[in-house]
Amino acid sequence: MRETTTIITTWPVKKNDRFSTILESEGMAVLPLPMIEVDFRLFTVPGYLEDYDWVVFTSKNGAKSFLEQTSFHPHNKIAVIGEGTAAPLEAYGIQPHFVGSGKTGQEFADQLTSHTGRGKRILLALGNMAPDTLYQALAPHNRVERVNVYDTRRPEEVDQQLLNRIVIDEYDFIAVSSPSAIKNLFEMVSERLKVPLRIVSIGETTSHAARELGLELVKTATEPSYEGLAKCVVDMVERGEGKRNRR
């Protein structure tokens, strides 16, 4: 009898999780172990929103927090990285003017610069843990402001039983979607691990954070989205790649 493939996720539990839906439809078990918590913060836009040519989002949490607290001016154009970031805007009937396909912040910055040109006023609506990659890439030729619209932090409580399953290697893959999540997980289990973690990453930015910790990834999704990550896992399982050795 074929044993069930077990995937542990590391992002906050959410309704209608596309990743879980896809894998569960393939008969896999998806176990949530959130390694981050996200809080929308009260924020103030530097200056007047109507003065910005572009408002830029790099995550759906950034878009959601922004939309809960303010409205765009007709002058604003909106840029996002990936369809996943575009989704909350589209749910409000807002179509982004530019959807980047870059797999890293630098790639997105290069694409955005090519699209917007120079001499623009740009607002970056980001999370507190987001690096300054976009700012550094855009600021030399534009007037750029950054506002943090949400906070990412380590959870106060963690499922210790599920954490122990990782330590004793009773899982197949751990799916990660942010640098903060992989860093928090590594801090919790690194000193107790018997075998290397089997990590599947949503994209190059998260994979880079894992490598900086000395971790080798099983795979990085080609498409940096939760659906792309799910397809990556399904493909690996079908090929028999990377799973644990069953005792």
C-alpha atoms as a PDB file:
ATOM      1  CA  MET A   1       0.000   0.000   0.000  1.00  0.00           C
ATOM      2  CA  ARG A   2       1.345   3.421  -0.950  1.00  0.00           C
ATOM      3  CA  GLU A   3       2.191   5.590   2.057  1.00  0.00           C
ATOM      4  CA  THR A   4       0.814   9.103   2.233  1.00  0.00           C
ATOM      5  CA  THR A   5       3.227  11.882   1.341  1.00  0.00           C
ATOM      6  CA  THR A   6       3.429  14.420   4.177  1.00  0.00           C
ATOM      7  CA  ILE A   7       4.108  18.092   3.511  1.00  0.00           C
ATOM      8  CA  ILE A   8       4.667  20.628   6.294  1.00  0.00           C
ATOM      9  CA  THR A   9       3.878  24.268   5.495  1.00  0.00           C
ATOM     10  CA  THR A  10       5.435  27.236   7.280  1.00  0.00           C
ATOM     11  CA  TRP A  11       3.149  30.191   6.473  1.00  0.00           C
ATOM     12  CA  PRO A  12       0.133  31.419   8.487  1.00  0.00           C
ATOM     13  CA  VAL A  13      -2.992  29.291   8.134  1.00  0.00           C
ATOM     14  CA  LYS A  14      -5.447  30.847   5.703  1.00  0.00           C
ATOM     15  CA  LYS A  15      -8.797  30.068   4.153  1.00  0.00           C
ATOM     16  CA  ASN A  16      -8.881  28.552   0.687  1.00  0.00           C
ATOM     17  CA  ASP A  17      -5.143  27.848   0.712  1.00  0.00           C
ATOM     18  CA  ARG A  18      -4.405  27.059  -2.928  1.00  0.00           C
ATOM     19  CA  PHE A  19      -1.267  25.114  -2.033  1.00  0.00           C
ATOM     20  CA  SER A  20      -3.098  22.789   0.357  1.00  0.00           C
ATOM     21  CA  THR A  21      -6.057  22.361  -1.986  1.00  0.00           C
ATOM     22  CA  ILE A  22      -3.848  21.177  -4.841  1.00  0.00           C
ATOM     23  CA  LEU A  23      -1.803  18.748  -2.755  1.00  0.00           C
ATOM     24  CA  GLU A  24      -4.759  17.318  -0.860  1.00  0.00           C
ATOM     25  CA  SER A  25      -6.501  16.656  -4.177  1.00  0.00           C
ATOM     26  CA  GLU A  26      -3.451  14.527  -5.020  1.00  0.00           C
ATOM     27  CA  GLY A  27      -3.879  12.509  -1.824  1.00  0.00           C
ATOM     28  CA  MET A  28      -1.112  14.177   0.167  1.00  0.00           C
ATOM     29  CA  ALA A  29      -1.293  15.243   3.814  1.00  0.00           C
ATOM     30  CA  VAL A  30      -0.620  18.939   4.432  1.00  0.00           C
ATOM     31  CA  LEU A  31       0.263  19.911   8.004  1.00  0.00           C
ATOM     32  CA  PRO A  32       0.506  23.609   8.954  1.00  0.00           C
ATOM     33  CA  LEU A  33       3.387  24.754  11.143  1.00  0.00           C
ATOM     34  CA  PRO A  34       3.351  28.562  10.883  1.00  0.00           C
ATOM     35  CA  MET A  35       6.815  30.016  11.352  1.00  0.00           C
ATOM     36  CA  ILE A  36       5.690  33.611  10.972  1.00  0.00           C
ATOM     37  CA  GLU A  37       2.779  35.783  12.017  1.00  0.00           C
ATOM     38  CA  VAL A  38       1.682  38.810  10.014  1.00  0.00           C
ATOM     39  CA  ASP A  39       0.145  41.941  11.531  1.00  0.00           C
ATOM     40  CA  PHE A  40      -1.120  44.829   9.437  1.00  0.00           C
ATOM     41  CA  ARG A  41       0.215  48.061  10.890  1.00  0.00           C
ATOM     42  CA  LEU A  42      -1.183  51.566  10.942  1.00  0.00           C
ATOM     43  CA  PHE A  43       0.835  53.644   8.522  1.00  0.00           C
ATOM     44  CA  THR A  44       1.036  57.108   7.037  1.00  0.00           C
ATOM     45  CA  VAL A  45       1.928  57.689   3.408  1.00  0.00           C
ATOM     46  CA  PRO A  46       4.879  60.093   3.119  1.00  0.00           C
ATOM     47  CA  GLY A  47       3.440  63.276   1.631  1.00  0.00           C
ATOM     48  CA  TYR A  48       0.324  62.946  -0.527  1.00  0.00           C
ATOM     49  CA  LEU A  49      -0.608  59.716  -2.307  1.00  0.00           C
ATOM     50  CA  GLU A  50      -1.779  61.659  -5.352  1.00  0.00           C
ATOM     51  CA  ASP A  51       1.794  62.888  -5.906  1.00  0.00           C
ATOM     52  CA  TYR A  52       3.126  59.386  -6.603  1.00  0.00           C
ATOM     53  CA  ASP A  53       3.393  58.111 -10.152  1.00  0.00           C
ATOM     54  CA  TRP A  54       3.753  54.500  -9.021  1.00  0.00           C
ATOM     55  CA  VAL A  55       2.768  52.486  -5.952  1.00  0.00           C
ATOM     56  CA  VAL A  56       4.655  49.197  -5.723  1.00  0.00           C
ATOM     57  CA  PHE A  57       3.762  45.984  -3.862  1.00  0.00           C
ATOM     58  CA  THR A  58       5.865  42.846  -3.490  1.00  0.00           C
ATOM     59  CA  SER A  59       3.429  40.703  -1.483  1.00  0.00           C
ATOM     60  CA  LYS A  60      -0.286  40.125  -1.069  1.00  0.00           C
ATOM     61  CA  ASN A  61      -0.030  41.138   2.602  1.00  0.00           C
ATOM     62  CA  GLY A  62       1.291  44.524   1.545  1.00  0.00           C
ATOM     63  CA  ALA A  63      -1.544  44.985  -0.919  1.00  0.00           C
ATOM     64  CA  LYS A  64      -4.193  43.877   1.590  1.00  0.00           C
ATOM     65  CA  SER A  65      -2.959  46.154   4.361  1.00  0.00           C
ATOM     66  CA  PHE A  66      -2.744  49.118   2.000  1.00  0.00           C
ATOM     67  CA  LEU A  67      -6.252  48.585   0.659  1.00  0.00           C
ATOM     68  CA  GLU A  68      -7.703  48.326   4.163  1.00  0.00           C
ATOM     69  CA  GLN A  69      -6.443  51.782   5.080  1.00  0.00           C
ATOM     70  CA  THR A  70      -6.391  53.949   1.988  1.00  0.00           C
ATOM     71  CA  SER A  71      -7.568  54.327  -1.598  1.00  0.00           C
ATOM     72  CA  PHE A  72      -5.609  54.992  -4.745  1.00  0.00           C
ATOM     73  CA  HIS A  73      -5.703  58.313  -6.554  1.00  0.00           C
ATOM     74  CA  PRO A  74      -6.490  58.256 -10.302  1.00  0.00           C
ATOM     75  CA  HIS A  75      -2.950  59.511 -10.949  1.00  0.00           C
ATOM     76  CA  ASN A  76      -1.379  56.439  -9.339  1.00  0.00           C
ATOM     77  CA  LYS A  77      -0.159  53.513 -11.376  1.00  0.00           C
ATOM     78  CA  ILE A  78       0.254  50.196  -9.586  1.00  0.00           C
ATOM     79  CA  ALA A  79       3.068  47.670  -9.949  1.00  0.00           C
ATOM     80  CA  VAL A  80       3.218  44.222  -8.348  1.00  0.00           C
ATOM     81  CA  ILE A  81       5.513  41.228  -8.433  1.00  0.00           C
ATOM     82  CA  GLY A  82       3.626  38.138  -9.567  1.00  0.00           C
ATOM     83  CA  GLU A  83      -0.008  37.214  -9.995  1.00  0.00           C
ATOM     84  CA  GLY A  84      -0.302  36.280  -6.321  1.00  0.00           C
ATOM     85  CA  THR A  85       0.374  39.867  -5.297  1.00  0.00           C
ATOM     86  CA  ALA A  86      -2.081  41.107  -7.911  1.00  0.00           C
ATOM     87  CA  ALA A  87      -4.928  38.930  -6.571  1.00  0.00           C
ATOM     88  CA  PRO A  88      -6.011  41.120  -3.590  1.00  0.00           C
ATOM     89  CA  LEU A  89      -6.070  44.181  -5.829  1.00  0.00           C
ATOM     90  CA  GLU A  90      -8.122  42.405  -8.470  1.00  0.00           C
ATOM     91  CA  ALA A  91     -10.564  41.324  -5.747  1.00  0.00           C
ATOM     92  CA  TYR A  92     -11.239  45.048  -5.239  1.00  0.00           C
ATOM     93  CA  GLY A  93     -11.692  45.521  -8.971  1.00  0.00           C
ATOM     94  CA  ILE A  94      -8.255  47.103  -9.356  1.00  0.00           C
ATOM     95  CA  GLN A  95      -6.083  45.951 -12.243  1.00  0.00           C
ATOM     96  CA  PRO A  96      -2.342  46.562 -11.765  1.00  0.00           C
ATOM     97  CA  HIS A  97      -0.664  48.516 -14.538  1.00  0.00           C
ATOM     98  CA  PHE A  98       2.432  46.306 -14.344  1.00  0.00           C
ATOM     99  CA  VAL A  99       2.811  42.714 -13.133  1.00  0.00           C
ATOM    100  CA  GLY A 100       6.471  41.737 -12.930  1.00  0.00           C
ATOM    101  CA  SER A 101       7.618  38.187 -13.460  1.00  0.00           C
ATOM    102  CA  GLY A 102      10.941  38.600 -11.697  1.00  0.00           C
ATOM    103  CA  LYS A 103      11.922  35.759  -9.375  1.00  0.00           C
ATOM    104  CA  THR A 104      13.999  38.050  -7.156  1.00  0.00           C
ATOM    105  CA  GLY A 105      13.695  41.622  -5.961  1.00  0.00           C
ATOM    106  CA  GLN A 106      16.565  42.639  -8.224  1.00  0.00           C
ATOM    107  CA  GLU A 107      14.955  41.104 -11.307  1.00  0.00           C
ATOM    108  CA  PHE A 108      11.683  42.837 -10.471  1.00  0.00           C
ATOM    109  CA  ALA A 109      13.498  46.139  -9.984  1.00  0.00           C
ATOM    110  CA  ASP A 110      15.173  45.782 -13.381  1.00  0.00           C
ATOM    111  CA  GLN A 111      11.833  45.031 -15.045  1.00  0.00           C
ATOM    112  CA  LEU A 112      10.104  47.904 -13.275  1.00  0.00           C
ATOM    113  CA  THR A 113      12.824  50.389 -14.204  1.00  0.00           C
ATOM    114  CA  SER A 114      12.547  49.388 -17.846  1.00  0.00           C
ATOM    115  CA  HIS A 115       8.777  49.853 -17.686  1.00  0.00           C
ATOM    116  CA  THR A 116       8.521  53.117 -15.740  1.00  0.00           C
ATOM    117  CA  GLY A 117      11.528  54.966 -17.068  1.00  0.00           C
ATOM    118  CA  ARG A 118      13.262  57.580 -14.936  1.00  0.00           C
ATOM    119  CA  GLY A 119      12.317  60.677 -12.990  1.00  0.00           C
ATOM    120  CA  LYS A 120       9.225  59.158 -11.387  1.00  0.00           C
ATOM    121  CA  ARG A 121       7.961  59.452  -7.847  1.00  0.00           C
ATOM    122  CA  ILE A 122       7.561  55.933  -6.473  1.00  0.00           C
ATOM    123  CA  LEU A 123       6.060  54.601  -3.229  1.00  0.00           C
ATOM    124  CA  LEU A 124       7.152  51.169  -2.015  1.00  0.00           C
ATOM    125  CA  ALA A 125       4.535  49.558   0.272  1.00  0.00           C
ATOM    126  CA  LEU A 126       6.416  46.731   1.980  1.00  0.00           C
ATOM    127  CA  GLY A 127       6.722  44.586   5.083  1.00  0.00           C
ATOM    128  CA  ASN A 128       9.119  45.423   7.898  1.00  0.00           C
ATOM    129  CA  MET A 129      11.414  42.509   6.993  1.00  0.00           C
ATOM    130  CA  ALA A 130      11.649  43.294   3.284  1.00  0.00           C
ATOM    131  CA  PRO A 131      15.198  44.192   2.182  1.00  0.00           C
ATOM    132  CA  ASP A 132      16.026  47.513   0.536  1.00  0.00           C
ATOM    133  CA  THR A 133      16.755  45.887  -2.832  1.00  0.00           C
ATOM    134  CA  LEU A 134      14.005  47.755  -4.668  1.00  0.00           C
ATOM    135  CA  TYR A 135      14.819  51.086  -3.048  1.00  0.00           C
ATOM    136  CA  GLN A 136      18.503  50.802  -3.890  1.00  0.00           C
ATOM    137  CA  ALA A 137      17.747  49.855  -7.486  1.00  0.00           C
ATOM    138  CA  LEU A 138      15.161  52.577  -8.131  1.00  0.00           C
ATOM    139  CA  ALA A 139      16.406  55.516  -6.038  1.00  0.00           C
ATOM    140  CA  PRO A 140      19.357  56.608  -8.218  1.00  0.00           C
ATOM    141  CA  HIS A 141      17.024  57.731 -11.011  1.00  0.00           C
ATOM    142  CA  ASN A 142      13.702  58.327  -9.223  1.00  0.00           C
ATOM    143  CA  ARG A 143      12.247  59.912  -6.088  1.00  0.00           C
ATOM    144  CA  VAL A 144      11.489  56.863  -3.964  1.00  0.00           C
ATOM    145  CA  GLU A 145       9.798  56.555  -0.574  1.00  0.00           C
ATOM    146  CA  ARG A 146       9.247  53.420   1.474  1.00  0.00           C
ATOM    147  CA  VAL A 147       6.402  52.788   3.904  1.00  0.00           C
ATOM    148  CA  ASN A 148       6.113  49.596   5.946  1.00  0.00           C
ATOM    149  CA  VAL A 149       2.475  48.502   5.927  1.00  0.00           C
ATOM    150  CA  TYR A 150       2.725  45.191   7.788  1.00  0.00           C
ATOM    151  CA  ASP A 151       4.958  43.411  10.288  1.00  0.00           C
ATOM    152  CA  THR A 152       6.288  39.877  10.113  1.00  0.00           C
ATOM    153  CA  ARG A 153       7.281  38.297  13.419  1.00  0.00           C
ATOM    154  CA  ARG A 154       8.069  34.953  14.983  1.00  0.00           C
ATOM    155  CA  PRO A 155       4.984  33.235  16.451  1.00  0.00           C
ATOM    156  CA  GLU A 156       4.660  33.148  20.210  1.00  0.00           C
ATOM    157  CA  GLU A 157       3.343  29.569  20.179  1.00  0.00           C
ATOM    158  CA  VAL A 158       4.445  26.697  17.944  1.00  0.00           C
ATOM    159  CA  ASP A 159       3.103  23.151  17.571  1.00  0.00           C
ATOM    160  CA  GLN A 160       5.849  21.267  19.423  1.00  0.00           C
ATOM    161  CA  GLN A 161       4.619  17.840  18.321  1.00  0.00           C
ATOM    162  CA  LEU A 162       4.869  18.798  14.676  1.00  0.00           C
ATOM    163  CA  LEU A 163       8.227  20.439  15.278  1.00  0.00           C
ATOM    164  CA  ASN A 164       9.408  17.158  16.791  1.00  0.00           C
ATOM    165  CA  ARG A 165       8.269  15.291  13.680  1.00  0.00           C
ATOM    166  CA  ILE A 166      10.740  17.381  11.743  1.00  0.00           C
ATOM    167  CA  VAL A 167      13.508  16.614  14.215  1.00  0.00           C
ATOM    168  CA  ILE A 168      12.931  12.839  14.008  1.00  0.00           C
ATOM    169  CA  ASP A 169      12.420  12.972  10.225  1.00  0.00           C
ATOM    170  CA  GLU A 170       8.757  11.958  10.051  1.00  0.00           C
ATOM    171  CA  TYR A 171       7.778  14.038   7.037  1.00  0.00           C
ATOM    172  CA  ASP A 172       8.594  14.243   3.344  1.00  0.00           C
ATOM    173  CA  PHE A 173       8.985  17.934   2.498  1.00  0.00           C
ATOM    174  CA  ILE A 174       8.848  21.308   4.221  1.00  0.00           C
ATOM    175  CA  ALA A 175       7.397  24.072   2.045  1.00  0.00           C
ATOM    176  CA  VAL A 176       8.713  27.580   2.705  1.00  0.00           C
ATOM    177  CA  SER A 177       7.599  30.876   1.197  1.00  0.00           C
ATOM    178  CA  SER A 178       9.612  33.565   2.985  1.00  0.00           C
ATOM    179  CA  PRO A 179      13.137  34.146   4.316  1.00  0.00           C
ATOM    180  CA  SER A 180      11.720  34.833   7.792  1.00  0.00           C
ATOM    181  CA  ALA A 181       9.985  31.455   7.932  1.00  0.00           C
ATOM    182  CA  ILE A 182      13.051  29.410   7.040  1.00  0.00           C
ATOM    183  CA  LYS A 183      15.225  31.395   9.448  1.00  0.00           C
ATOM    184  CA  ASN A 184      12.784  30.892  12.324  1.00  0.00           C
ATOM    185  CA  LEU A 185      12.417  27.176  11.615  1.00  0.00           C
ATOM    186  CA  PHE A 186      16.159  26.668  11.399  1.00  0.00           C
ATOM    187  CA  GLU A 187      16.700  28.403  14.734  1.00  0.00           C
ATOM    188  CA  MET A 188      14.173  26.068  16.382  1.00  0.00           C
ATOM    189  CA  VAL A 189      15.468  22.741  15.070  1.00  0.00           C
ATOM    190  CA  SER A 190      19.062  23.105  13.876  1.00  0.00           C
ATOM    191  CA  GLU A 191      20.746  21.815  17.034  1.00  0.00           C
ATOM    192  CA  ARG A 192      18.530  18.716  17.209  1.00  0.00           C
ATOM    193  CA  LEU A 193      18.478  17.545  13.593  1.00  0.00           C
ATOM    194  CA  LYS A 194      19.654  14.039  12.747  1.00  0.00           C
ATOM    195  CA  VAL A 195      19.357  14.450   8.963  1.00  0.00           C
ATOM    196  CA  PRO A 196      19.268  17.552   6.719  1.00  0.00           C
ATOM    197  CA  LEU A 197      15.969  19.348   6.236  1.00  0.00           C
ATOM    198  CA  ARG A 198      14.146  18.625   2.976  1.00  0.00           C
ATOM    199  CA  ILE A 199      13.131  22.114   1.897  1.00  0.00           C
ATOM    200  CA  VAL A 200      11.058  23.098  -1.120  1.00  0.00           C
ATOM    201  CA  SER A 201      11.076  26.854  -1.735  1.00  0.00           C
ATOM    202  CA  ILE A 202       8.631  29.204  -3.427  1.00  0.00           C
ATOM    203  CA  GLY A 203      11.326  31.294  -5.121  1.00  0.00           C
ATOM    204  CA  GLU A 204      14.905  32.475  -5.366  1.00  0.00           C
ATOM    205  CA  THR A 205      14.729  35.074  -2.592  1.00  0.00           C
ATOM    206  CA  THR A 206      13.639  32.457  -0.061  1.00  0.00           C
ATOM    207  CA  SER A 207      16.110  29.928  -1.459  1.00  0.00           C
ATOM    208  CA  HIS A 208      18.945  32.430  -1.058  1.00  0.00           C
ATOM    209  CA  ALA A 209      18.034  32.897   2.611  1.00  0.00           C
ATOM    210  CA  ALA A 210      18.104  29.117   3.096  1.00  0.00           C
ATOM    211  CA  ARG A 211      21.513  28.788   1.454  1.00  0.00           C
ATOM    212  CA  GLU A 212      22.895  31.529   3.684  1.00  0.00           C
ATOM    213  CA  LEU A 213      21.997  29.274   6.614  1.00  0.00           C
ATOM    214  CA  GLY A 214      23.974  26.454   5.012  1.00  0.00           C
ATOM    215  CA  LEU A 215      20.890  24.545   3.879  1.00  0.00           C
ATOM    216  CA  GLU A 216      20.633  22.658   0.618  1.00  0.00           C
ATOM    217  CA  LEU A 217      17.226  22.800  -1.011  1.00  0.00           C
ATOM    218  CA  VAL A 218      15.476  19.889  -2.642  1.00  0.00           C
ATOM    219  CA  LYS A 219      13.973  22.243  -5.197  1.00  0.00           C
ATOM    220  CA  THR A 220      12.934  25.828  -5.925  1.00  0.00           C
ATOM    221  CA  ALA A 221       9.620  26.395  -7.683  1.00  0.00           C
ATOM    222  CA  THR A 222       9.935  27.657 -11.250  1.00  0.00           C
ATOM    223  CA  GLU A 223       6.869  29.861 -10.805  1.00  0.00           C
ATOM    224  CA  PRO A 224       7.145  31.956  -7.591  1.00  0.00           C
ATOM    225  CA  SER A 225       3.581  31.487  -6.315  1.00  0.00           C
ATOM    226  CA  TYR A 226       1.760  29.090  -3.994  1.00  0.00           C
ATOM    227  CA  GLU A 227       0.264  27.326  -6.981  1.00  0.00           C
ATOM    228  CA  GLY A 228       3.699  27.099  -8.567  1.00  0.00           C
ATOM    229  CA  LEU A 229       5.097  25.691  -5.326  1.00  0.00           C
ATOM    230  CA  ALA A 230       2.330  23.084  -5.189  1.00  0.00           C
ATOM    231  CA  LYS A 231       2.984  22.042  -8.780  1.00  0.00           C
ATOM    232  CA  CYS A 232       6.666  21.720  -7.943  1.00  0.00           C
ATOM    233  CA  VAL A 233       5.884  19.319  -5.084  1.00  0.00           C
ATOM    234  CA  VAL A 234       3.437  17.281  -7.171  1.00  0.00           C
ATOM    235  CA  ASP A 235       6.037  16.942  -9.918  1.00  0.00           C
ATOM    236  CA  MET A 236       8.699  15.770  -7.463  1.00  0.00           C
ATOM    237  CA  VAL A 237       6.405  13.217  -5.868  1.00  0.00           C
ATOM    238  CA  GLU A 238       5.380  11.848  -9.254  1.00  0.00           C
ATOM    239  CA  ARG A 239       9.050  11.483 -10.162  1.00  0.00           C
ATOM    240  CA  GLY A 240       9.925   9.993  -6.786  1.00  0.00           C
ATOM    241  CA  GLU A 241      12.452  12.727  -6.049  1.00  0.00           C
ATOM    242  CA  GLY A 242      13.784  13.814  -2.686  1.00  0.00           C
ATOM    243  CA  LYS A 243      11.394  12.049  -0.307  1.00  0.00           C
ATOM    244  CA  ARG A 244      12.461  10.572   3.014  1.00  0.00           C
ATOM    245  CA  ASN A 245      13.766   7.043   3.334  1.00  0.00           C
ATOM    246  CA  ARG A 246      10.951   4.994   4.827  1.00  0.00           C
ATOM    247  CA  ARG A 247      12.011   2.813   7.697  1.00  0.00           C
END
